[in-house]
Amino acid sequence: MSQMIKRNGLQVAAELSQYVDEEALSGVGIDSEAFWKGFDALVHDLAPKNRALLAERDRLQTELDQWHRRNPGPVRDLKAYRAFLEGIGYIVPASGAVQAT
């Protein structure tokens, strides 16, 4: 197991810290302390959102597992299956035209 070190409020693998400090940030004009401070803020800001997304993923997986236990084998009624997926929020209506920029 890697040795863990503290960088701002984060516990990170020593190898990751060394890589970031010596290679990833080399020549890009970002100070190591500024990077770790910003990364710490980002991790703490996004952690609650990440936990919520993981909980939603678990809920969806539980629903899918239950459906497939009740309906073993290949899906026979695609309309009913699609309605089930829409009902649990696995498939959502298209939001209209999208454009990548």
PDB file of N, CA and C in Angstrom:
ATOM      1  N   MET A   1       0.842  -1.183   0.000  1.00  0.00           N
ATOM      2  CA  MET A   1       0.000   0.000   0.000  1.00  0.00           C
ATOM      3  C   MET A   1       0.882   1.240   0.000  1.00  0.00           C
ATOM      4  N   SER A   2       0.473   2.236  -0.730  1.00  0.00           N
ATOM      5  CA  SER A   2       1.232   3.475  -0.845  1.00  0.00           C
ATOM      6  C   SER A   2       1.239   4.249   0.466  1.00  0.00           C
ATOM      7  N   GLN A   3       2.334   4.950   0.682  1.00  0.00           N
ATOM      8  CA  GLN A   3       2.395   5.864   1.817  1.00  0.00           C
ATOM      9  C   GLN A   3       1.513   7.063   1.484  1.00  0.00           C
ATOM     10  N   MET A   4       0.700   7.465   2.428  1.00  0.00           N
ATOM     11  CA  MET A   4      -0.182   8.611   2.235  1.00  0.00           C
ATOM     12  C   MET A   4       0.438   9.831   2.909  1.00  0.00           C
ATOM     13  N   ILE A   5       0.309  10.970   2.231  1.00  0.00           N
ATOM     14  CA  ILE A   5       0.787  12.227   2.799  1.00  0.00           C
ATOM     15  C   ILE A   5      -0.334  13.254   2.714  1.00  0.00           C
ATOM     16  N   LYS A   6      -0.219  14.277   3.524  1.00  0.00           N
ATOM     17  CA  LYS A   6      -1.253  15.314   3.550  1.00  0.00           C
ATOM     18  C   LYS A   6      -0.844  16.465   2.641  1.00  0.00           C
ATOM     19  N   ARG A   7      -1.752  16.807   1.738  1.00  0.00           N
ATOM     20  CA  ARG A   7      -1.587  17.976   0.876  1.00  0.00           C
ATOM     21  C   ARG A   7      -2.831  18.814   1.078  1.00  0.00           C
ATOM     22  N   ASN A   8      -2.663  19.960   1.716  1.00  0.00           N
ATOM     23  CA  ASN A   8      -3.782  20.779   2.172  1.00  0.00           C
ATOM     24  C   ASN A   8      -4.688  19.884   3.006  1.00  0.00           C
ATOM     25  N   GLY A   9      -5.979  19.764   2.680  1.00  0.00           N
ATOM     26  CA  GLY A   9      -6.881  18.938   3.476  1.00  0.00           C
ATOM     27  C   GLY A   9      -7.044  17.534   2.941  1.00  0.00           C
ATOM     28  N   LEU A  10      -6.208  17.133   1.998  1.00  0.00           N
ATOM     29  CA  LEU A  10      -6.356  15.831   1.348  1.00  0.00           C
ATOM     30  C   LEU A  10      -5.263  14.866   1.771  1.00  0.00           C
ATOM     31  N   GLN A  11      -5.602  13.605   1.871  1.00  0.00           N
ATOM     32  CA  GLN A  11      -4.629  12.538   2.036  1.00  0.00           C
ATOM     33  C   GLN A  11      -4.416  11.937   0.653  1.00  0.00           C
ATOM     34  N   VAL A  12      -3.209  12.022   0.133  1.00  0.00           N
ATOM     35  CA  VAL A  12      -2.927  11.509  -1.209  1.00  0.00           C
ATOM     36  C   VAL A  12      -1.720  10.582  -1.161  1.00  0.00           C
ATOM     37  N   ALA A  13      -1.652   9.688  -2.125  1.00  0.00           N
ATOM     38  CA  ALA A  13      -0.495   8.805  -2.232  1.00  0.00           C
ATOM     39  C   ALA A  13       0.745   9.652  -2.502  1.00  0.00           C
ATOM     40  N   ALA A  14       1.821   9.298  -1.833  1.00  0.00           N
ATOM     41  CA  ALA A  14       3.072  10.041  -1.999  1.00  0.00           C
ATOM     42  C   ALA A  14       3.501  10.055  -3.463  1.00  0.00           C
ATOM     43  N   GLU A  15       3.270   8.942  -4.170  1.00  0.00           N
ATOM     44  CA  GLU A  15       3.644   8.872  -5.586  1.00  0.00           C
ATOM     45  C   GLU A  15       2.840   9.865  -6.421  1.00  0.00           C
ATOM     46  N   LEU A  16       1.564  10.035  -6.100  1.00  0.00           N
ATOM     47  CA  LEU A  16       0.739  10.998  -6.828  1.00  0.00           C
ATOM     48  C   LEU A  16       1.236  12.417  -6.568  1.00  0.00           C
ATOM     49  N   SER A  17       1.511  12.719  -5.320  1.00  0.00           N
ATOM     50  CA  SER A  17       2.013  14.047  -4.969  1.00  0.00           C
ATOM     51  C   SER A  17       3.317  14.339  -5.704  1.00  0.00           C
ATOM     52  N   GLN A  18       4.203  13.372  -5.712  1.00  0.00           N
ATOM     53  CA  GLN A  18       5.489  13.544  -6.388  1.00  0.00           C
ATOM     54  C   GLN A  18       5.281  13.730  -7.890  1.00  0.00           C
ATOM     55  N   TYR A  19       4.417  12.927  -8.493  1.00  0.00           N
ATOM     56  CA  TYR A  19       4.151  13.053  -9.929  1.00  0.00           C
ATOM     57  C   TYR A  19       3.594  14.436 -10.264  1.00  0.00           C
ATOM     58  N   VAL A  20       2.594  14.869  -9.501  1.00  0.00           N
ATOM     59  CA  VAL A  20       1.988  16.179  -9.767  1.00  0.00           C
ATOM     60  C   VAL A  20       3.033  17.278  -9.632  1.00  0.00           C
ATOM     61  N   ASP A  21       3.761  17.254  -8.533  1.00  0.00           N
ATOM     62  CA  ASP A  21       4.734  18.316  -8.268  1.00  0.00           C
ATOM     63  C   ASP A  21       5.899  18.330  -9.260  1.00  0.00           C
ATOM     64  N   GLU A  22       6.403  17.150  -9.609  1.00  0.00           N
ATOM     65  CA  GLU A  22       7.629  17.089 -10.408  1.00  0.00           C
ATOM     66  C   GLU A  22       7.394  16.949 -11.909  1.00  0.00           C
ATOM     67  N   GLU A  23       6.246  16.398 -12.306  1.00  0.00           N
ATOM     68  CA  GLU A  23       6.031  16.170 -13.732  1.00  0.00           C
ATOM     69  C   GLU A  23       4.824  16.925 -14.284  1.00  0.00           C
ATOM     70  N   ALA A  24       3.667  16.733 -13.678  1.00  0.00           N
ATOM     71  CA  ALA A  24       2.447  17.332 -14.238  1.00  0.00           C
ATOM     72  C   ALA A  24       2.496  18.858 -14.222  1.00  0.00           C
ATOM     73  N   LEU A  25       3.034  19.431 -13.157  1.00  0.00           N
ATOM     74  CA  LEU A  25       3.070  20.893 -13.049  1.00  0.00           C
ATOM     75  C   LEU A  25       4.339  21.508 -13.632  1.00  0.00           C
ATOM     76  N   SER A  26       5.281  20.675 -14.004  1.00  0.00           N
ATOM     77  CA  SER A  26       6.555  21.167 -14.527  1.00  0.00           C
ATOM     78  C   SER A  26       6.347  21.939 -15.824  1.00  0.00           C
ATOM     79  N   GLY A  27       6.738  23.201 -15.797  1.00  0.00           N
ATOM     80  CA  GLY A  27       6.692  24.020 -16.996  1.00  0.00           C
ATOM     81  C   GLY A  27       5.337  24.584 -17.369  1.00  0.00           C
ATOM     82  N   VAL A  28       4.315  24.405 -16.524  1.00  0.00           N
ATOM     83  CA  VAL A  28       2.993  24.941 -16.876  1.00  0.00           C
ATOM     84  C   VAL A  28       2.663  26.224 -16.126  1.00  0.00           C
ATOM     85  N   GLY A  29       3.540  26.647 -15.231  1.00  0.00           N
ATOM     86  CA  GLY A  29       3.341  27.918 -14.548  1.00  0.00           C
ATOM     87  C   GLY A  29       2.346  27.886 -13.407  1.00  0.00           C
ATOM     88  N   ILE A  30       2.081  26.705 -12.869  1.00  0.00           N
ATOM     89  CA  ILE A  30       1.173  26.601 -11.721  1.00  0.00           C
ATOM     90  C   ILE A  30       1.993  26.173 -10.516  1.00  0.00           C
ATOM     91  N   ASP A  31       1.924  26.955  -9.468  1.00  0.00           N
ATOM     92  CA  ASP A  31       2.625  26.670  -8.222  1.00  0.00           C
ATOM     93  C   ASP A  31       2.012  25.440  -7.553  1.00  0.00           C
ATOM     94  N   SER A  32       2.858  24.579  -7.013  1.00  0.00           N
ATOM     95  CA  SER A  32       2.408  23.350  -6.362  1.00  0.00           C
ATOM     96  C   SER A  32       1.399  23.625  -5.247  1.00  0.00           C
ATOM     97  N   GLU A  33       1.706  24.578  -4.385  1.00  0.00           N
ATOM     98  CA  GLU A  33       0.795  24.872  -3.273  1.00  0.00           C
ATOM     99  C   GLU A  33      -0.544  25.399  -3.777  1.00  0.00           C
ATOM    100  N   ALA A  34      -0.507  26.228  -4.812  1.00  0.00           N
ATOM    101  CA  ALA A  34      -1.755  26.747  -5.385  1.00  0.00           C
ATOM    102  C   ALA A  34      -2.575  25.610  -5.986  1.00  0.00           C
ATOM    103  N   PHE A  35      -1.891  24.674  -6.663  1.00  0.00           N
ATOM    104  CA  PHE A  35      -2.599  23.534  -7.238  1.00  0.00           C
ATOM    105  C   PHE A  35      -3.293  22.727  -6.156  1.00  0.00           C
ATOM    106  N   TRP A  36      -2.561  22.335  -5.115  1.00  0.00           N
ATOM    107  CA  TRP A  36      -3.131  21.477  -4.076  1.00  0.00           C
ATOM    108  C   TRP A  36      -4.233  22.193  -3.307  1.00  0.00           C
ATOM    109  N   LYS A  37      -4.088  23.489  -3.109  1.00  0.00           N
ATOM    110  CA  LYS A  37      -5.145  24.257  -2.439  1.00  0.00           C
ATOM    111  C   LYS A  37      -6.405  24.263  -3.301  1.00  0.00           C
ATOM    112  N   GLY A  38      -6.254  24.517  -4.593  1.00  0.00           N
ATOM    113  CA  GLY A  38      -7.404  24.521  -5.494  1.00  0.00           C
ATOM    114  C   GLY A  38      -8.024  23.149  -5.652  1.00  0.00           C
ATOM    115  N   PHE A  39      -7.176  22.119  -5.739  1.00  0.00           N
ATOM    116  CA  PHE A  39      -7.682  20.754  -5.875  1.00  0.00           C
ATOM    117  C   PHE A  39      -8.450  20.339  -4.624  1.00  0.00           C
ATOM    118  N   ASP A  40      -7.930  20.706  -3.458  1.00  0.00           N
ATOM    119  CA  ASP A  40      -8.619  20.426  -2.196  1.00  0.00           C
ATOM    120  C   ASP A  40      -9.999  21.082  -2.187  1.00  0.00           C
ATOM    121  N   ALA A  41     -10.068  22.336  -2.603  1.00  0.00           N
ATOM    122  CA  ALA A  41     -11.356  23.045  -2.636  1.00  0.00           C
ATOM    123  C   ALA A  41     -12.319  22.370  -3.609  1.00  0.00           C
ATOM    124  N   LEU A  42     -11.809  21.962  -4.757  1.00  0.00           N
ATOM    125  CA  LEU A  42     -12.637  21.298  -5.761  1.00  0.00           C
ATOM    126  C   LEU A  42     -13.174  19.966  -5.249  1.00  0.00           C
ATOM    127  N   VAL A  43     -12.312  19.173  -4.653  1.00  0.00           N
ATOM    128  CA  VAL A  43     -12.730  17.868  -4.116  1.00  0.00           C
ATOM    129  C   VAL A  43     -13.803  18.048  -3.050  1.00  0.00           C
ATOM    130  N   HIS A  44     -13.592  18.984  -2.137  1.00  0.00           N
ATOM    131  CA  HIS A  44     -14.569  19.190  -1.071  1.00  0.00           C
ATOM    132  C   HIS A  44     -15.875  19.787  -1.593  1.00  0.00           C
ATOM    133  N   ASP A  45     -15.799  20.609  -2.630  1.00  0.00           N
ATOM    134  CA  ASP A  45     -17.004  21.179  -3.235  1.00  0.00           C
ATOM    135  C   ASP A  45     -17.821  20.105  -3.946  1.00  0.00           C
ATOM    136  N   LEU A  46     -17.143  19.202  -4.641  1.00  0.00           N
ATOM    137  CA  LEU A  46     -17.851  18.206  -5.452  1.00  0.00           C
ATOM    138  C   LEU A  46     -18.193  16.919  -4.699  1.00  0.00           C
ATOM    139  N   ALA A  47     -17.614  16.694  -3.532  1.00  0.00           N
ATOM    140  CA  ALA A  47     -17.854  15.450  -2.795  1.00  0.00           C
ATOM    141  C   ALA A  47     -19.334  15.190  -2.523  1.00  0.00           C
ATOM    142  N   PRO A  48     -20.122  16.168  -2.059  1.00  0.00           N
ATOM    143  CA  PRO A  48     -21.544  15.891  -1.830  1.00  0.00           C
ATOM    144  C   PRO A  48     -22.285  15.536  -3.123  1.00  0.00           C
ATOM    145  N   LYS A  49     -21.940  16.201  -4.213  1.00  0.00           N
ATOM    146  CA  LYS A  49     -22.572  15.890  -5.501  1.00  0.00           C
ATOM    147  C   LYS A  49     -22.193  14.483  -5.943  1.00  0.00           C
ATOM    148  N   ASN A  50     -20.942  14.121  -5.748  1.00  0.00           N
ATOM    149  CA  ASN A  50     -20.486  12.787  -6.113  1.00  0.00           C
ATOM    150  C   ASN A  50     -21.200  11.719  -5.290  1.00  0.00           C
ATOM    151  N   ARG A  51     -21.353  11.956  -3.982  1.00  0.00           N
ATOM    152  CA  ARG A  51     -22.072  10.994  -3.133  1.00  0.00           C
ATOM    153  C   ARG A  51     -23.510  10.827  -3.608  1.00  0.00           C
ATOM    154  N   ALA A  52     -24.154  11.934  -3.984  1.00  0.00           N
ATOM    155  CA  ALA A  52     -25.537  11.867  -4.479  1.00  0.00           C
ATOM    156  C   ALA A  52     -25.610  11.086  -5.788  1.00  0.00           C
ATOM    157  N   LEU A  53     -24.657  11.305  -6.676  1.00  0.00           N
ATOM    158  CA  LEU A  53     -24.638  10.564  -7.940  1.00  0.00           C
ATOM    159  C   LEU A  53     -24.408   9.073  -7.710  1.00  0.00           C
ATOM    160  N   LEU A  54     -23.521   8.739  -6.791  1.00  0.00           N
ATOM    161  CA  LEU A  54     -23.282   7.330  -6.484  1.00  0.00           C
ATOM    162  C   LEU A  54     -24.514   6.682  -5.857  1.00  0.00           C
ATOM    163  N   ALA A  55     -25.221   7.405  -5.014  1.00  0.00           N
ATOM    164  CA  ALA A  55     -26.454   6.881  -4.415  1.00  0.00           C
ATOM    165  C   ALA A  55     -27.507   6.650  -5.493  1.00  0.00           C
ATOM    166  N   GLU A  56     -27.610   7.566  -6.448  1.00  0.00           N
ATOM    167  CA  GLU A  56     -28.563   7.404  -7.553  1.00  0.00           C
ATOM    168  C   GLU A  56     -28.182   6.205  -8.411  1.00  0.00           C
ATOM    169  N   ARG A  57     -26.905   6.035  -8.664  1.00  0.00           N
ATOM    170  CA  ARG A  57     -26.451   4.870  -9.427  1.00  0.00           C
ATOM    171  C   ARG A  57     -26.816   3.583  -8.695  1.00  0.00           C
ATOM    172  N   ASP A  58     -26.621   3.543  -7.387  1.00  0.00           N
ATOM    173  CA  ASP A  58     -26.992   2.365  -6.597  1.00  0.00           C
ATOM    174  C   ASP A  58     -28.487   2.098  -6.666  1.00  0.00           C
ATOM    175  N   ARG A  59     -29.295   3.158  -6.597  1.00  0.00           N
ATOM    176  CA  ARG A  59     -30.748   2.993  -6.672  1.00  0.00           C
ATOM    177  C   ARG A  59     -31.144   2.401  -8.022  1.00  0.00           C
ATOM    178  N   LEU A  60     -30.592   2.962  -9.088  1.00  0.00           N
ATOM    179  CA  LEU A  60     -30.904   2.453 -10.424  1.00  0.00           C
ATOM    180  C   LEU A  60     -30.473   0.994 -10.574  1.00  0.00           C
ATOM    181  N   GLN A  61     -29.282   0.666 -10.091  1.00  0.00           N
ATOM    182  CA  GLN A  61     -28.802  -0.709 -10.213  1.00  0.00           C
ATOM    183  C   GLN A  61     -29.689  -1.672  -9.441  1.00  0.00           C
ATOM    184  N   THR A  62     -30.154  -1.263  -8.266  1.00  0.00           N
ATOM    185  CA  THR A  62     -31.066  -2.105  -7.485  1.00  0.00           C
ATOM    186  C   THR A  62     -32.356  -2.346  -8.250  1.00  0.00           C
ATOM    187  N   GLU A  63     -32.906  -1.299  -8.837  1.00  0.00           N
ATOM    188  CA  GLU A  63     -34.138  -1.433  -9.635  1.00  0.00           C
ATOM    189  C   GLU A  63     -33.917  -2.369 -10.820  1.00  0.00           C
ATOM    190  N   LEU A  64     -32.804  -2.199 -11.518  1.00  0.00           N
ATOM    191  CA  LEU A  64     -32.498  -3.058 -12.664  1.00  0.00           C
ATOM    192  C   LEU A  64     -32.331  -4.510 -12.236  1.00  0.00           C
ATOM    193  N   ASP A  65     -31.590  -4.732 -11.161  1.00  0.00           N
ATOM    194  CA  ASP A  65     -31.384  -6.093 -10.666  1.00  0.00           C
ATOM    195  C   ASP A  65     -32.705  -6.759 -10.312  1.00  0.00           C
ATOM    196  N   GLN A  66     -33.576  -6.028  -9.626  1.00  0.00           N
ATOM    197  CA  GLN A  66     -34.878  -6.587  -9.249  1.00  0.00           C
ATOM    198  C   GLN A  66     -35.700  -6.931 -10.483  1.00  0.00           C
ATOM    199  N   TRP A  67     -35.718  -6.055 -11.478  1.00  0.00           N
ATOM    200  CA  TRP A  67     -36.498  -6.309 -12.690  1.00  0.00           C
ATOM    201  C   TRP A  67     -35.994  -7.572 -13.386  1.00  0.00           C
ATOM    202  N   HIS A  68     -34.670  -7.695 -13.496  1.00  0.00           N
ATOM    203  CA  HIS A  68     -34.105  -8.845 -14.205  1.00  0.00           C
ATOM    204  C   HIS A  68     -34.266 -10.141 -13.418  1.00  0.00           C
ATOM    205  N   ARG A  69     -34.341 -10.075 -12.107  1.00  0.00           N
ATOM    206  CA  ARG A  69     -34.644 -11.283 -11.324  1.00  0.00           C
ATOM    207  C   ARG A  69     -36.086 -11.718 -11.559  1.00  0.00           C
ATOM    208  N   ARG A  70     -36.995 -10.734 -11.666  1.00  0.00           N
ATOM    209  CA  ARG A  70     -38.413 -11.050 -11.916  1.00  0.00           C
ATOM    210  C   ARG A  70     -38.661 -11.448 -13.368  1.00  0.00           C
ATOM    211  N   ASN A  71     -37.762 -11.049 -14.262  1.00  0.00           N
ATOM    212  CA  ASN A  71     -37.924 -11.299 -15.699  1.00  0.00           C
ATOM    213  C   ASN A  71     -36.632 -11.889 -16.267  1.00  0.00           C
ATOM    214  N   PRO A  72     -36.302 -13.130 -15.903  1.00  0.00           N
ATOM    215  CA  PRO A  72     -35.029 -13.707 -16.342  1.00  0.00           C
ATOM    216  C   PRO A  72     -34.997 -13.950 -17.854  1.00  0.00           C
ATOM    217  N   GLY A  73     -33.793 -14.029 -18.366  1.00  0.00           N
ATOM    218  CA  GLY A  73     -33.612 -14.315 -19.784  1.00  0.00           C
ATOM    219  C   GLY A  73     -33.649 -13.054 -20.622  1.00  0.00           C
ATOM    220  N   PRO A  74     -33.681 -13.257 -21.944  1.00  0.00           N
ATOM    221  CA  PRO A  74     -33.710 -12.099 -22.845  1.00  0.00           C
ATOM    222  C   PRO A  74     -34.985 -11.276 -22.660  1.00  0.00           C
ATOM    223  N   VAL A  75     -34.880  -9.995 -22.900  1.00  0.00           N
ATOM    224  CA  VAL A  75     -36.047  -9.111 -22.816  1.00  0.00           C
ATOM    225  C   VAL A  75     -36.976  -9.462 -23.971  1.00  0.00           C
ATOM    226  N   ARG A  76     -38.229  -9.779 -23.632  1.00  0.00           N
ATOM    227  CA  ARG A  76     -39.188 -10.182 -24.655  1.00  0.00           C
ATOM    228  C   ARG A  76     -40.091  -9.026 -25.080  1.00  0.00           C
ATOM    229  N   ASP A  77     -40.406  -8.149 -24.150  1.00  0.00           N
ATOM    230  CA  ASP A  77     -41.314  -7.039 -24.439  1.00  0.00           C
ATOM    231  C   ASP A  77     -40.532  -5.730 -24.329  1.00  0.00           C
ATOM    232  N   LEU A  78     -39.985  -5.298 -25.463  1.00  0.00           N
ATOM    233  CA  LEU A  78     -39.135  -4.104 -25.449  1.00  0.00           C
ATOM    234  C   LEU A  78     -39.889  -2.847 -25.046  1.00  0.00           C
ATOM    235  N   LYS A  79     -41.168  -2.754 -25.426  1.00  0.00           N
ATOM    236  CA  LYS A  79     -41.962  -1.581 -25.036  1.00  0.00           C
ATOM    237  C   LYS A  79     -42.105  -1.506 -23.516  1.00  0.00           C
ATOM    238  N   ALA A  80     -42.425  -2.640 -22.908  1.00  0.00           N
ATOM    239  CA  ALA A  80     -42.584  -2.680 -21.450  1.00  0.00           C
ATOM    240  C   ALA A  80     -41.249  -2.397 -20.755  1.00  0.00           C
ATOM    241  N   TYR A  81     -40.168  -2.936 -21.303  1.00  0.00           N
ATOM    242  CA  TYR A  81     -38.855  -2.715 -20.704  1.00  0.00           C
ATOM    243  C   TYR A  81     -38.469  -1.239 -20.794  1.00  0.00           C
ATOM    244  N   ARG A  82     -38.715  -0.638 -21.947  1.00  0.00           N
ATOM    245  CA  ARG A  82     -38.422   0.791 -22.104  1.00  0.00           C
ATOM    246  C   ARG A  82     -39.260   1.610 -21.127  1.00  0.00           C
ATOM    247  N   ALA A  83     -40.537   1.261 -20.975  1.00  0.00           N
ATOM    248  CA  ALA A  83     -41.401   1.979 -20.030  1.00  0.00           C
ATOM    249  C   ALA A  83     -40.855   1.843 -18.607  1.00  0.00           C
ATOM    250  N   PHE A  84     -40.378   0.651 -18.261  1.00  0.00           N
ATOM    251  CA  PHE A  84     -39.767   0.440 -16.951  1.00  0.00           C
ATOM    252  C   PHE A  84     -38.548   1.348 -16.787  1.00  0.00           C
ATOM    253  N   LEU A  85     -37.667   1.367 -17.789  1.00  0.00           N
ATOM    254  CA  LEU A  85     -36.453   2.190 -17.716  1.00  0.00           C
ATOM    255  C   LEU A  85     -36.786   3.670 -17.601  1.00  0.00           C
ATOM    256  N   GLU A  86     -37.801   4.105 -18.325  1.00  0.00           N
ATOM    257  CA  GLU A  86     -38.232   5.502 -18.216  1.00  0.00           C
ATOM    258  C   GLU A  86     -38.835   5.766 -16.839  1.00  0.00           C
ATOM    259  N   GLY A  87     -39.594   4.804 -16.334  1.00  0.00           N
ATOM    260  CA  GLY A  87     -40.254   4.961 -15.036  1.00  0.00           C
ATOM    261  C   GLY A  87     -39.288   5.114 -13.874  1.00  0.00           C
ATOM    262  N   ILE A  88     -38.132   4.452 -13.968  1.00  0.00           N
ATOM    263  CA  ILE A  88     -37.155   4.571 -12.876  1.00  0.00           C
ATOM    264  C   ILE A  88     -36.163   5.705 -13.116  1.00  0.00           C
ATOM    265  N   GLY A  89     -36.276   6.364 -14.264  1.00  0.00           N
ATOM    266  CA  GLY A  89     -35.379   7.480 -14.555  1.00  0.00           C
ATOM    267  C   GLY A  89     -34.080   7.083 -15.220  1.00  0.00           C
ATOM    268  N   TYR A  90     -33.985   5.837 -15.678  1.00  0.00           N
ATOM    269  CA  TYR A  90     -32.775   5.384 -16.360  1.00  0.00           C
ATOM    270  C   TYR A  90     -32.693   5.979 -17.760  1.00  0.00           C
ATOM    271  N   ILE A  91     -33.852   6.093 -18.406  1.00  0.00           N
ATOM    272  CA  ILE A  91     -33.957   6.774 -19.693  1.00  0.00           C
ATOM    273  C   ILE A  91     -34.794   8.020 -19.453  1.00  0.00           C
ATOM    274  N   VAL A  92     -34.291   9.141 -19.911  1.00  0.00           N
ATOM    275  CA  VAL A  92     -35.024  10.401 -19.765  1.00  0.00           C
ATOM    276  C   VAL A  92     -35.326  10.949 -21.154  1.00  0.00           C
ATOM    277  N   PRO A  93     -36.369  11.751 -21.273  1.00  0.00           N
ATOM    278  CA  PRO A  93     -36.694  12.317 -22.582  1.00  0.00           C
ATOM    279  C   PRO A  93     -35.535  13.156 -23.118  1.00  0.00           C
ATOM    280  N   ALA A  94     -35.373  13.119 -24.425  1.00  0.00           N
ATOM    281  CA  ALA A  94     -34.334  13.934 -25.060  1.00  0.00           C
ATOM    282  C   ALA A  94     -34.612  15.402 -24.778  1.00  0.00           C
ATOM    283  N   SER A  95     -33.557  16.147 -24.550  1.00  0.00           N
ATOM    284  CA  SER A  95     -33.721  17.561 -24.202  1.00  0.00           C
ATOM    285  C   SER A  95     -33.744  18.462 -25.430  1.00  0.00           C
ATOM    286  N   GLY A  96     -33.887  17.892 -26.586  1.00  0.00           N
ATOM    287  CA  GLY A  96     -33.900  18.699 -27.803  1.00  0.00           C
ATOM    288  C   GLY A  96     -32.539  18.692 -28.465  1.00  0.00           C
ATOM    289  N   ALA A  97     -32.351  19.610 -29.364  1.00  0.00           N
ATOM    290  CA  ALA A  97     -31.090  19.681 -30.100  1.00  0.00           C
ATOM    291  C   ALA A  97     -29.946  20.053 -29.167  1.00  0.00           C
ATOM    292  N   VAL A  98     -28.833  19.396 -29.368  1.00  0.00           N
ATOM    293  CA  VAL A  98     -27.633  19.714 -28.598  1.00  0.00           C
ATOM    294  C   VAL A  98     -26.510  20.038 -29.572  1.00  0.00           C
ATOM    295  N   GLN A  99     -25.569  20.815 -29.106  1.00  0.00           N
ATOM    296  CA  GLN A  99     -24.448  21.195 -29.950  1.00  0.00           C
ATOM    297  C   GLN A  99     -23.179  21.167 -29.119  1.00  0.00           C
ATOM    298  N   ALA A 100     -22.197  20.464 -29.623  1.00  0.00           N
ATOM    299  CA  ALA A 100     -20.896  20.437 -28.955  1.00  0.00           C
ATOM    300  C   ALA A 100     -20.080  21.624 -29.437  1.00  0.00           C
ATOM    301  N   THR A 101     -19.443  22.290 -28.498  1.00  0.00           N
ATOM    302  CA  THR A 101     -18.613  23.433 -28.890  1.00  0.00           C
ATOM    303  C   THR A 101     -17.186  23.221 -28.447  1.00  0.00           C
TER     304      THR A 101
END
